[in-house]
Amino acid sequence: MSYIQDKLVEKSPASLSDEELLALVIGNERAAAEIMRDFGSFKGLDNQPLEKLLKYKGVGDATVIRLCASWEVSRRIVERVVRTLRD
């Protein structure tokens, strides 16, 4: 296991930085660091064309698709929570 995986198991997912979470999702720590350096945060990545991520070494179509699916899962969870709070 990587240091990030160990940290998640030993502490919690909440203990991970945005960069570490991104590294787990895309499977590439170096690319995650570069992406977060360039975009600053998940908010900075919001609404960016996914093609922009393809410029990072180790990030290909499958990685971008996996990241897109992860964002959609998160969006749906938030949508359902907000809907439940309103009801």
Foldseek 3Di string as FASTA:
>chain_A
DDPLVVCCVVPNPVVDDQLSVLCVQLVHSVLSVVVCVVQVGVVSVPPDPLVVSCVGPSDDPVSSVSVVVVVVVVVVVVVVVVVVVVD
